[in-house]
Protein backbone atom coordinates (compact mmCIF):
# COMPACT_ATOMS: atom_id res chain seq x y z
CA MET A 1 1.14 -36.64 2.43
CA ASP A 2 -2.49 -36.70 1.39
CA LYS A 3 -3.36 -34.11 4.16
CA LEU A 4 -0.58 -31.88 3.07
CA LYS A 5 -1.64 -32.07 -0.57
CA GLN A 6 -5.18 -31.03 0.51
CA LEU A 7 -3.88 -28.04 2.29
CA GLU A 8 -1.84 -27.06 -0.68
CA THR A 9 -4.70 -27.51 -2.95
CA PHE A 10 -7.11 -25.47 -0.71
CA VAL A 11 -4.54 -22.54 -0.67
CA ALA A 12 -3.93 -22.73 -4.38
CA VAL A 13 -7.62 -22.55 -5.08
CA ALA A 14 -8.27 -19.75 -2.56
CA THR A 15 -5.47 -17.53 -3.95
CA ARG A 16 -5.94 -18.22 -7.54
CA GLY A 17 -9.73 -17.86 -7.48
CA SER A 18 -10.84 -20.98 -9.22
CA LEU A 19 -10.39 -24.82 -9.53
CA THR A 20 -9.47 -24.49 -13.08
CA ALA A 21 -6.55 -21.98 -12.47
CA ALA A 22 -5.34 -24.23 -9.57
CA ALA A 23 -5.40 -27.40 -11.70
CA LYS A 24 -3.62 -25.65 -14.61
CA ALA A 25 -0.80 -24.47 -12.40
CA GLU A 26 -0.39 -28.03 -11.07
CA GLY A 27 -0.84 -29.74 -14.30
CA VAL A 28 -3.83 -31.97 -13.25
CA ALA A 29 -7.63 -32.17 -14.15
CA PRO A 30 -9.95 -29.74 -12.33
CA ALA A 31 -11.86 -32.82 -11.11
CA ILE A 32 -8.81 -33.96 -9.11
CA ILE A 33 -8.65 -30.52 -7.32
CA GLY A 34 -12.34 -30.73 -6.60
CA ARG A 35 -12.00 -34.26 -5.10
CA ARG A 36 -9.16 -33.06 -2.79
CA LEU A 37 -11.37 -30.12 -1.53
CA ASP A 38 -14.25 -32.39 -0.93
CA ALA A 39 -11.97 -34.81 1.03
CA LEU A 40 -10.52 -31.86 3.17
CA GLU A 41 -14.02 -30.57 4.08
CA ALA A 42 -15.27 -33.97 4.97
CA ARG A 43 -12.27 -34.65 7.16
CA LEU A 44 -12.77 -31.33 8.96
CA GLY A 45 -16.52 -31.58 8.99
CA VAL A 46 -16.86 -27.84 7.89
CA LYS A 47 -17.46 -26.02 4.76
CA LEU A 48 -14.53 -23.93 3.54
CA MET A 49 -15.65 -22.72 0.22
CA VAL A 50 -18.85 -21.97 -1.63
CA ARG A 51 -18.25 -23.05 -5.22
CA THR A 52 -20.29 -21.98 -8.17
CA THR A 53 -19.71 -22.13 -11.86
CA ARG A 54 -18.53 -18.53 -11.80
CA ARG A 55 -16.65 -17.95 -8.60
CA ILE A 56 -15.18 -19.37 -5.49
CA THR A 57 -16.10 -17.70 -2.14
CA LEU A 58 -14.49 -18.40 1.21
CA THR A 59 -16.73 -19.02 4.15
CA HIS A 60 -15.89 -17.36 7.51
CA GLU A 61 -14.28 -20.67 8.55
CA GLY A 62 -12.49 -20.91 5.19
CA SER A 63 -10.97 -17.36 5.59
CA ALA A 64 -9.62 -18.21 9.03
CA PHE A 65 -8.29 -21.57 7.92
CA LEU A 66 -6.58 -20.08 4.74
CA GLU A 67 -4.28 -17.90 6.86
CA ASP A 68 -3.28 -20.76 9.05
CA CYS A 69 -2.61 -22.95 6.05
CA GLN A 70 -0.48 -20.25 4.40
CA ARG A 71 1.51 -19.83 7.44
CA LEU A 72 2.03 -23.61 7.97
CA LEU A 73 3.01 -24.11 4.25
CA VAL A 74 5.46 -21.29 4.43
CA ASP A 75 7.04 -22.69 7.78
CA ILE A 76 7.40 -26.08 6.09
CA ALA A 77 8.95 -24.58 2.98
CA ASN A 78 11.35 -22.45 5.00
CA SER A 79 12.35 -25.39 7.12
CA GLU A 80 13.13 -27.50 3.92
CA ALA A 81 14.97 -24.60 2.40
CA SER A 82 17.11 -23.89 5.37
CA VAL A 83 18.69 -27.36 5.24
CA SER A 84 18.77 -27.76 1.46
CA ALA A 85 21.95 -26.93 -0.68
CA GLY A 86 20.07 -24.13 -2.45
CA GLY A 87 19.35 -22.12 0.63
CA VAL A 88 16.17 -20.26 1.52
CA LYS A 89 13.82 -19.71 -1.36
CA ALA A 90 10.63 -17.56 -1.10
CA SER A 91 7.43 -18.88 -2.54
CA GLY A 92 3.66 -18.54 -2.30
CA HIS A 93 1.34 -15.66 -3.00
CA LEU A 94 1.92 -12.05 -1.92
CA ARG A 95 -0.96 -9.46 -1.57
CA ILE A 96 0.06 -5.88 -1.42
CA THR A 97 -1.94 -2.62 -1.13
CA ALA A 98 -0.86 0.84 -1.60
CA PRO A 99 -2.29 4.36 -2.11
CA ALA A 100 -3.09 4.87 -5.82
CA GLY A 101 -0.96 7.75 -6.73
CA PHE A 102 2.21 6.66 -4.84
CA GLY A 103 1.55 3.05 -5.64
CA ARG A 104 1.42 3.82 -9.42
CA ARG A 105 4.78 5.54 -9.34
CA HIS A 106 6.82 3.90 -6.55
CA VAL A 107 5.29 0.62 -5.88
CA ALA A 108 4.06 -0.86 -9.12
CA PRO A 109 7.44 -0.46 -10.99
CA LEU A 110 9.11 -2.53 -8.17
CA VAL A 111 6.71 -5.38 -8.32
CA PRO A 112 8.02 -7.02 -11.53
CA ARG A 113 11.57 -6.49 -10.33
CA PHE A 114 10.81 -8.21 -7.00
CA HIS A 115 9.19 -11.19 -9.02
CA GLU A 116 12.26 -11.43 -11.05
CA LEU A 117 14.32 -11.96 -8.02
CA HIS A 118 11.79 -14.43 -6.51
CA PRO A 119 10.14 -16.10 -9.48
CA GLU A 120 8.25 -18.48 -7.32
CA VAL A 121 6.34 -15.73 -5.52
CA THR A 122 3.13 -14.64 -7.31
CA ILE A 123 1.97 -11.01 -6.52
CA SER A 124 -1.28 -9.21 -6.44
CA LEU A 125 -1.07 -5.42 -6.13
CA ASN A 126 -4.19 -3.28 -4.96
CA LEU A 127 -4.03 0.45 -5.50
CA SER A 128 -6.62 2.52 -3.70
CA ASP A 129 -6.76 5.69 -1.68
CA ARG A 130 -9.36 3.96 0.54
CA VAL A 131 -7.86 2.89 3.94
CA VAL A 132 -7.72 -0.84 3.35
CA ASP A 133 -8.28 -3.18 6.36
CA VAL A 134 -5.09 -5.14 6.04
CA ALA A 135 -5.77 -7.87 8.37
CA GLY A 136 -9.58 -8.08 7.72
CA GLU A 137 -8.99 -8.18 3.91
CA ALA A 138 -6.19 -10.72 4.03
CA TYR A 139 -3.29 -8.50 2.81
CA ASP A 140 0.09 -9.43 3.49
CA CYS A 141 1.56 -5.88 3.41
CA ALA A 142 0.39 -2.32 2.93
CA VAL A 143 2.44 0.62 1.96
CA ARG A 144 1.21 3.86 3.73
CA VAL A 145 2.35 7.49 3.37
CA GLY A 146 1.88 9.80 6.17
CA ASP A 147 0.75 9.64 9.82
CA LEU A 148 -0.30 6.28 10.95
CA PRO A 149 -3.45 5.67 13.02
CA ASP A 150 -3.21 3.60 16.09
CA SER A 151 -3.72 -0.05 15.28
CA SER A 152 -2.53 -3.49 15.88
CA LEU A 153 -0.52 -3.60 12.71
CA VAL A 154 3.29 -3.75 12.83
CA SER A 155 4.89 -0.82 10.88
CA VAL A 156 8.37 -0.51 9.45
CA ARG A 157 9.53 3.05 8.34
CA LEU A 158 10.91 2.83 4.71
CA ALA A 159 11.68 6.54 3.96
CA ASP A 160 10.75 10.11 4.89
CA ASN A 161 7.99 12.02 3.16
CA ARG A 162 7.39 15.69 3.02
CA ARG A 163 4.27 17.67 2.15
CA LEU A 164 4.05 20.97 0.47
CA CYS A 165 1.34 23.48 -0.48
CA VAL A 166 1.57 24.12 -4.27
CA ALA A 167 -0.06 26.06 -6.91
CA THR A 168 0.71 27.27 -10.56
CA PRO A 169 2.46 30.60 -10.91
CA ARG A 170 -0.48 31.90 -12.91
CA TYR A 171 -3.05 31.04 -10.10
CA LEU A 172 -0.68 32.81 -7.59
CA GLN A 173 -0.51 35.93 -9.76
CA GLN A 174 -4.32 35.98 -10.10
CA HIS A 175 -5.11 35.27 -6.45
CA GLY A 176 -2.12 36.20 -4.42
CA ARG A 177 -0.06 34.07 -2.07
CA PRO A 178 -1.41 32.94 1.45
CA GLN A 179 0.93 34.23 4.12
CA THR A 180 -0.35 31.98 6.90
CA PRO A 181 -2.30 28.70 7.04
CA ALA A 182 -5.30 30.73 8.15
CA ASP A 183 -5.25 32.54 4.88
CA LEU A 184 -6.09 29.33 3.00
CA ALA A 185 -9.74 29.98 3.90
CA ARG A 186 -10.01 32.63 1.07
CA PHE A 187 -8.30 30.34 -1.56
CA ASP A 188 -9.61 27.57 -3.66
CA CYS A 189 -8.09 24.43 -2.02
CA LEU A 190 -8.03 21.05 -3.73
CA VAL A 191 -8.60 18.46 -1.05
CA LEU A 192 -9.05 14.61 -0.87
CA SER A 193 -12.59 13.68 -0.28
CA SER A 194 -13.54 12.66 3.34
CA ASP A 195 -13.71 8.91 2.54
CA ALA A 196 -10.16 8.92 1.30
CA SER A 197 -7.14 8.10 3.48
CA GLN A 198 -6.09 11.75 4.40
CA THR A 199 -8.33 11.79 7.45
CA ARG A 200 -6.59 14.45 9.53
CA GLY A 201 -6.24 17.09 6.87
CA TRP A 202 -3.38 19.36 6.04
CA ALA A 203 -0.56 19.69 8.66
CA PHE A 204 1.34 22.79 9.45
CA ALA A 205 4.12 23.73 12.01
CA MET A 206 3.06 26.82 13.85
CA PRO A 207 5.72 29.14 15.40
CA PRO A 208 6.57 28.35 19.06
CA ALA A 209 4.70 30.29 21.70
CA SER A 210 7.94 31.02 23.43
CA PRO A 211 11.76 30.87 22.83
CA GLY A 212 13.02 27.29 23.12
CA ALA A 213 9.60 25.67 22.76
CA GLU A 214 8.80 23.41 20.03
CA ALA A 215 6.59 24.23 17.04
CA GLU A 216 3.03 23.11 17.44
CA ILE A 217 1.74 20.82 14.73
CA VAL A 218 -1.85 21.87 13.76
CA HIS A 219 -4.05 20.06 11.26
CA MET A 220 -6.54 22.01 9.08
CA ARG A 221 -9.21 20.96 6.66
CA PRO A 222 -9.45 23.72 4.10
CA GLY A 223 -12.43 23.84 1.83
CA GLY A 224 -12.81 24.48 -1.89
CA PRO A 225 -15.21 23.87 -4.75
CA LEU A 226 -13.45 20.58 -5.94
CA ASP A 227 -12.46 17.50 -4.07
CA CYS A 228 -11.57 14.03 -5.27
CA THR A 229 -10.68 10.57 -3.80
CA ASP A 230 -7.66 10.43 -6.12
CA GLY A 231 -4.57 12.30 -5.21
CA GLN A 232 -3.31 12.12 -8.80
CA VAL A 233 -6.42 13.90 -9.93
CA LEU A 234 -5.75 16.65 -7.43
CA ARG A 235 -2.23 17.11 -8.83
CA GLU A 236 -3.66 17.33 -12.37
CA TRP A 237 -6.24 19.95 -11.23
CA CYS A 238 -3.53 21.90 -9.55
CA LEU A 239 -1.44 21.94 -12.73
CA ALA A 240 -4.41 23.11 -14.61
CA GLY A 241 -4.62 26.17 -12.17
CA TYR A 242 -7.87 25.36 -10.34
CA GLY A 243 -6.30 26.06 -6.81
CA ILE A 244 -3.79 25.17 -4.07
CA ALA A 245 -3.09 21.58 -3.36
CA TRP A 246 -1.11 19.93 -0.43
CA ARG A 247 0.89 17.26 -2.12
CA SER A 248 3.90 15.10 -1.40
CA THR A 249 7.36 16.02 -2.66
CA TRP A 250 7.56 12.61 -4.44
CA GLU A 251 4.58 13.74 -6.44
CA VAL A 252 5.46 17.39 -7.33
CA GLU A 253 9.08 17.78 -6.97
CA ALA A 254 9.59 17.55 -10.73
CA ASP A 255 6.83 20.05 -11.37
CA ILE A 256 8.40 22.57 -9.00
CA ALA A 257 11.86 22.08 -10.52
CA ALA A 258 10.27 22.64 -13.99
CA GLY A 259 8.58 25.76 -12.86
CA ARG A 260 5.05 24.39 -13.50
CA LEU A 261 4.28 24.68 -9.69
CA GLU A 262 5.36 26.88 -6.90
CA SER A 263 5.38 26.01 -3.27
CA VAL A 264 3.73 28.46 -0.65
CA LEU A 265 3.73 28.59 3.12
CA ASP A 266 7.08 27.02 3.26
CA GLY A 267 7.83 28.50 6.68
CA TYR A 268 4.90 26.54 7.98
CA ALA A 269 5.87 23.13 6.47
CA ALA A 270 5.42 20.43 8.88
CA PRO A 271 8.36 18.06 9.66
CA PRO A 272 8.67 15.03 7.40
CA ASN A 273 6.48 12.04 8.17
CA GLY A 274 7.08 8.62 6.84
CA ILE A 275 6.49 6.07 4.19
CA TYR A 276 5.82 2.73 5.90
CA ALA A 277 5.20 -0.89 5.38
CA LEU A 278 2.56 -2.31 7.57
CA PHE A 279 1.64 -5.90 8.15
CA PRO A 280 -0.55 -7.79 10.55
CA GLN A 281 0.94 -9.03 13.98
CA ARG A 282 2.14 -12.51 13.29
CA LYS A 283 4.31 -14.83 15.32
CA HIS A 284 6.11 -15.91 12.10
CA LEU A 285 6.29 -13.47 9.21
CA ALA A 286 6.28 -15.28 5.87
CA LEU A 287 9.62 -15.13 4.15
CA ARG A 288 8.19 -13.57 1.08
CA VAL A 289 6.88 -10.69 3.10
CA ARG A 290 10.15 -10.25 4.89
CA LEU A 291 11.85 -10.16 1.60
CA TRP A 292 9.42 -7.70 0.05
CA ILE A 293 9.82 -5.25 2.94
CA ASP A 294 13.65 -5.59 2.80
CA PHE A 295 13.48 -4.97 -0.88
CA LEU A 296 11.43 -1.82 -0.39
CA LYS A 297 13.68 -0.50 2.31
CA HIS A 298 16.70 -0.90 0.08
CA GLU A 299 15.15 0.73 -2.92
CA TYR A 300 13.70 3.59 -1.07
CA GLY A 301 16.94 4.20 0.81
CA ARG A 302 18.74 4.96 -2.60
CA GLU A 303 18.72 8.58 -3.64
CA GLU A 304 19.01 7.37 -7.24
CA PHE A 305 15.50 5.75 -6.86
CA TRP A 306 13.81 9.05 -6.10
CA ARG A 307 15.80 10.99 -8.72
CA SER A 308 14.85 8.55 -11.42
CA ALA A 309 11.22 8.40 -10.11
CA ALA A 310 10.70 12.16 -10.51
CA ALA A 311 10.62 11.61 -14.27
CA ARG A 312 7.83 8.98 -13.99
């Protein structure tokens, strides 16, 4: 029992970031938490944490040990829950990452709802257009939009996603409309910066070379005077009339319906790609992660979700 309590304490401190927070959650003095950690490190003969008055930092050994401990505690909790009268109950800490723009609209509103369904699960949400190293940075799940690079991560397709080239009616009146993707070279294109997640550029379906052949998908990196790491800023620049942007329908559908934006090059639109949940390859996926992915799949599978989201 003492060994298990030490492991639970170690995980609590690592996920909450301080001895004080872990002690408050358990209702004990911080000194008790400190003694448990000291006993654990002494028993293992290795330093798991570097503790200062301001912050807690995991050592390399501590980071590896944390994942093992979390998996072990989840397995124990699931085993107990499976034989209890109350059934399976998810608990623990869930770390999620998602692209900034998509995450603000379509992930962040779901997080409190998931917590209401599973009140014993605490959740951290990271929103960034940087390609986060899910396994290396100890995230449980990443939501990604678009083509997936080859990786050791496991992916679950949640929904389809389409991309469109859009601009304001005024911009198109002043500068004309591109007729082919090659014409974009003479337009102001609003693109994500090279260090953002859109690594392959804009995708277009080119007409097949011969009857019966499939369309060829080509990727282009059009240039322009403005770029940004935040896709939401690109949409705002586009709405302000600064050029043509390549944005997802989830982001600009309402603008097109209201006449604020018009789509161009529709005949070259690439087939839908996907919205995915990614997670590290693990023998046993934590219950809270499984439930979160199932929750996303259910919500994104509802047409009502996307219709109500258009107004957000």
